[in-house]
Amino acid sequence: MTAGKAVDTEDIEEAANGGLTRNDVIARVMARFPHTPPEDVAEAVRVVLEVMTEALAEARVIEIRGFGSFCLHYYRPILGRNPRNGEPVALGGRYVPHFRPGRLLRRRIEKNRVPIKD
């Protein structure tokens, strides 16, 4: 979306009710750039996601100004419990992707907030 364009309420409801798939992103980009071949749009989306995935796999931080940043959070090993029998289970440490929204994204979401239906 462009910086000055308001968020469509239907878009927010769609995201809350089923999310946005890679194909949805491709379709929206194709709608904004109708003269670009669909194969090129699909390849561009695929490459952007692949580059982001590779960066996170290398434990690099991804910062997109106005949107947010992606990084990895480390969860230390813990001793958990099997819920069926209560026996202790050792859970190893792990890295989990984490997204922190940028200031502009937070403001835009708050401004266009729509209640989520259950």
Protein backbone atom coordinates (compact mmCIF):
# COMPACT_ATOMS: atom_id res chain seq x y z
CA MET A 1 0.00 0.00 0.00
CA THR A 2 1.15 3.46 -0.65
CA ALA A 3 2.02 5.71 2.26
CA GLY A 4 -1.00 8.01 1.91
CA LYS A 5 -3.62 5.41 1.04
CA ALA A 6 -6.09 4.43 3.74
CA VAL A 7 -6.53 0.79 4.66
CA ASP A 8 -9.71 -0.73 3.31
CA THR A 9 -11.86 -2.15 6.12
CA GLU A 10 -12.64 -5.20 3.98
CA ASP A 11 -8.90 -5.95 3.76
CA ILE A 12 -8.60 -5.94 7.55
CA GLU A 13 -11.64 -8.18 7.95
CA GLU A 14 -10.27 -10.54 5.29
CA ALA A 15 -6.97 -10.81 7.13
CA ALA A 16 -8.72 -11.43 10.45
CA ASN A 17 -11.02 -14.05 8.96
CA GLY A 18 -8.55 -16.09 6.96
CA GLY A 19 -5.28 -14.32 6.52
CA LEU A 20 -3.44 -13.38 3.40
CA THR A 21 -1.74 -16.09 1.37
CA ARG A 22 1.20 -15.79 -0.99
CA ASN A 23 -1.26 -16.03 -3.90
CA ASP A 24 -3.29 -13.17 -2.41
CA VAL A 25 -0.15 -11.03 -2.25
CA ILE A 26 0.67 -11.90 -5.87
CA ALA A 27 -2.88 -11.02 -6.95
CA ARG A 28 -2.75 -7.65 -5.18
CA VAL A 29 0.62 -6.77 -6.69
CA MET A 30 -0.66 -7.78 -10.15
CA ALA A 31 -3.70 -5.52 -9.62
CA ARG A 32 -1.39 -2.57 -8.89
CA PHE A 33 0.91 -3.32 -11.82
CA PRO A 34 -1.43 -4.66 -14.53
CA HIS A 35 1.19 -4.35 -17.30
CA THR A 36 3.66 -6.62 -15.50
CA PRO A 37 3.47 -10.27 -16.54
CA PRO A 38 1.99 -12.48 -13.77
CA GLU A 39 5.02 -14.79 -13.91
CA ASP A 40 7.33 -11.85 -13.14
CA VAL A 41 5.19 -10.74 -10.20
CA ALA A 42 5.07 -14.29 -8.80
CA GLU A 43 8.84 -14.63 -9.19
CA ALA A 44 9.46 -11.26 -7.48
CA VAL A 45 7.30 -12.23 -4.49
CA ARG A 46 9.02 -15.63 -4.31
CA VAL A 47 12.49 -14.05 -4.41
CA VAL A 48 11.68 -11.47 -1.72
CA LEU A 49 10.39 -14.17 0.63
CA GLU A 50 13.35 -16.41 -0.15
CA VAL A 51 15.87 -13.63 0.59
CA MET A 52 14.11 -12.89 3.89
CA THR A 53 14.09 -16.59 4.82
CA GLU A 54 17.81 -16.92 4.02
CA ALA A 55 18.62 -13.85 6.12
CA LEU A 56 16.77 -15.25 9.13
CA ALA A 57 18.42 -18.66 8.63
CA GLU A 58 21.75 -16.83 8.88
CA ALA A 59 20.55 -15.16 12.13
CA ARG A 60 20.49 -11.73 10.47
CA VAL A 61 17.98 -9.04 11.40
CA ILE A 62 15.66 -7.77 8.66
CA GLU A 63 14.60 -4.13 9.06
CA ILE A 64 12.00 -2.58 6.77
CA ARG A 65 11.54 1.08 7.71
CA GLY A 66 7.96 1.97 8.51
CA PHE A 67 6.91 -1.69 8.48
CA GLY A 68 8.91 -3.48 11.14
CA SER A 69 11.76 -5.84 11.81
CA PHE A 70 12.23 -9.59 11.88
CA CYS A 71 14.75 -11.29 14.12
CA LEU A 72 15.27 -14.55 15.99
CA HIS A 73 14.47 -15.03 19.65
CA TYR A 74 16.28 -17.80 21.52
CA TYR A 75 14.39 -19.97 23.97
CA ARG A 76 16.72 -21.73 26.38
CA PRO A 77 16.42 -25.46 27.07
CA ILE A 78 13.85 -26.32 29.72
CA LEU A 79 12.56 -29.37 31.50
CA GLY A 80 8.94 -29.75 30.46
CA ARG A 81 6.33 -32.35 31.36
CA ASN A 82 4.43 -34.85 29.28
CA PRO A 83 0.77 -33.80 29.74
CA ARG A 84 -0.49 -37.41 29.53
CA ASN A 85 1.62 -38.93 32.27
CA GLY A 86 3.43 -36.03 33.95
CA GLU A 87 6.89 -37.44 33.23
CA PRO A 88 9.67 -34.88 32.74
CA VAL A 89 10.77 -34.25 29.14
CA ALA A 90 13.92 -32.35 28.20
CA LEU A 91 13.15 -29.67 25.61
CA GLY A 92 16.20 -28.34 23.77
CA GLY A 93 16.92 -24.69 23.10
CA ARG A 94 15.49 -23.25 19.91
CA TYR A 95 15.35 -20.13 17.80
CA VAL A 96 11.95 -18.74 16.85
CA PRO A 97 11.29 -15.98 14.29
CA HIS A 98 9.97 -12.79 15.87
CA PHE A 99 8.34 -9.76 14.22
CA ARG A 100 8.29 -6.34 15.80
CA PRO A 101 6.01 -3.88 14.00
CA GLY A 102 7.40 -0.44 13.20
CA ARG A 103 5.95 2.78 14.56
CA LEU A 104 4.17 3.68 11.30
CA LEU A 105 2.57 0.23 11.02
CA ARG A 106 1.42 0.32 14.65
CA ARG A 107 -0.13 3.77 14.15
CA ARG A 108 -1.87 2.68 10.96
CA ILE A 109 -3.29 -0.45 12.57
CA GLU A 110 -4.51 1.48 15.59
CA LYS A 111 -6.09 4.15 13.38
CA ASN A 112 -7.95 1.58 11.24
CA ARG A 113 -8.69 -0.96 13.94
CA VAL A 114 -11.75 -3.14 13.35
CA PRO A 115 -13.11 -5.49 16.02
CA ILE A 116 -12.30 -9.12 15.29
CA LYS A 117 -15.33 -11.36 15.06
CA ASP A 118 -15.23 -14.76 16.78
